Amino acid sequence: MNSPLPLLASACLLLPSVLAAQDVTITSPVASMETAEQHAARLKWFQEARFGMFIHWGVYSVPAGEWQGKDIGGIGEWIMKRGSIPIADYKAFAPQFTASKYDPKAWAALAKEAGMKYVVITSKHHDGFTLYDSPASDWNAVKASGAKRDLLAPLADAVRAEGLKFGLYYSQAQDWTHQGGAISGVKEGESGWDKSHDGSFDEYLKKIAIPQVREILTRYQPAVIWWDTPTWMTTERAKPLAAALKELAPNIISNNRLGGGYPGDTKTPEQNIPPRGYPGEMFEVCMTMNDTWGFKKKDLNWKSVRQIIRNLSDISSKGGNFLLNVGPTPEGEIPAASIERLKAVGRWMAVNSEAIYATEASPFPHRLPWGRVTQKADDKGGVTLYLHVWDWPKDGKLLLPGLTDKPASGRLFKSGAAVTAEGTPEGVVVTLPGASTDPDVSVAALSFAKPVKPVGDPFPSAGKDGRIVLNAVDADCHGGLTGNLETAGMGADAYLADWRDAKWRLEYAIKTPKAAKWKVSAEIASEKPVQLLLASGKKPTTDGKPNDVPATGGKQTWKTVDLGTLELPAGETSFELKAVKEGWNSINVRHLWLTPAE
């Protein structure tokens, strides 16, 4: 993993974009053959699936994060590059890759129990090792490893026997063992850490990548091809790989990481949830359960069951898929912590999957403070809204802002109790019966006779006192491959937690009554002093200087600090809060206030 593509990511908010959509330069090689009806039919299963299992398994699971007695930082499957391990030394790990406890039927059954609809496994990662017997190279599970057998075929059979779709990851460009393979961060023609790797990239594609892609498409007939890191790829270099899809797998779904300008079918935000989704386009968030894709024995930083379920809820509410990773050991065991979490997600899905499968993105233009919403049309012209209640209201009432039509009926999942609703000037107020039905996410369904479309202004705007007040739910959190800010707390006390990476940023989309200067202040909690910079587009604050944020006394000790003055145009606009890298420390952010400076 570790994508070179620019990612916009967030766990914070869904707002209409104030930016233009990305340009697409080349039509998908599969989509170019299709009518609109054929295109929709090919993508239908994927759009309805919503939830899948990613599996990173290879020789990198043997060192498991350690080399020559030292811990190697970063994700486990990158240990060869990050540790500059010579090719001969790395290949010496292969006999210990035994798959002695590998049970493909149990893996497939676990994916199904978790509520997943498809499985994607690494046929070859950046270390060049294939999990099957490739005629193009002896560096494979059959000829070079202790497994001594094809590891893909039995999993493909087991996955399909469970009624799930089978997909394959293939690293088409990066390859650190075969001569000429690309190396991220190294210019083409220059040497990496092992000169025996030197060679022609075009020869590598011709002798290794292209034949192997044709092998896996023919032999395993995957429903998904998952490209990764298109280092050194050009349109001409990508063309034979795209042609292989067109010739051998016309119904396959491909992602956007082939390179050379080929967009594929799906966008692939990694380790983050895009703040606004990608309206009108398919996307699939890939994410680890701890901090690594490939197995690392010391990585015990596991996401909670609640976080995983809420990630699934959040991604579905934006119309995307969630590809959740497991990293098995060299013996072929999925870590117990992963199994425990997947079984817990499965118990939630057994009750609430109707609110996930085959749903569409929320009709509300921004995130609601109490949770998320998905929707599904029925065959009578109506629609069901699924309310994913993260924070159960003390009074049992939820506001659906801007709705003018009341639902015909409503029910609470698990208990089956009736849900009632009434119209108000602000929208429809839903009354939930009793107490929360799930500690992580409770779900209620509301049936409407026709599609719903909230009315009103989706942007925060100035109140009667002239100020614009912004809460945690109003923020777009742009993270990166290291993660993102998460929302903690409830209601008015909710806050953006653990801004630990200086590359992350906060964006706020607002509506101003006129072009003006605004004083910006924020409620922040910080153990150590930091600096923040305000910016609108490419323009920083009016003085262009970072603003000092003093230590407040702790991550739950809140103080209001002045962040400077910002000049904004009239109407729909946005501004950002950025970290100053030097001396950055983790902070929490709760409220922001914009006050007219004049």
Foldseek 3Di string as FASTA:
>chain_A
DAFPDDDFFFQFKAFDDPDDDDDFDDEQLLVVVDDPVLVCVLCVVVLQQQEEAEEEEDLLLQCQQDDPRDGQDDFSVCCCQSVVPELVRSLVSFQVLALQVADLLVVLVLCVLLSGAEYEYEQADLQGEGQACAPLDLNYNQRRHNNNHRPPVVNLVNNVVSVHFYHYEYAQAHHQRDAQGDDPPDDRPDDGSYNVNHDHSLVCNVRPRLSVLLVCCQPRVGQEYEYHHCPPDALVSLVSVSVSCVPRPSSHFYDCHSDNSNHTQEYEAEQGHRNNANPPGEYEYEHEQFRYQAGHPPTPRGDDLLVVLQVSQSQQQNSYHYHYGFHAHSNNDTDPVVSVSSNVSSVVCVFVVVQRGPWGHHLANMDFQQGGWTKDADPQAKMKIKGWGQHQDPQQKDFPFQWDDFFPWKAWIPVRDTKGWDADPGHIIIGDPDDAPDNRITIMMTIHNHDTHGDDDNFFEADPQRKGKDWSSQKRKTDGNRHTWHWDDHDLFIWTFWPAAQVIKIKGKHAYAFWAKWWKKFKKAAQAKFWKWKFFDPRTAPVRDIDIDGHQNGQPRIDIDTGHMHTDGHTIGMMMIGGDRPPDGIMMTTMMMIHGPD
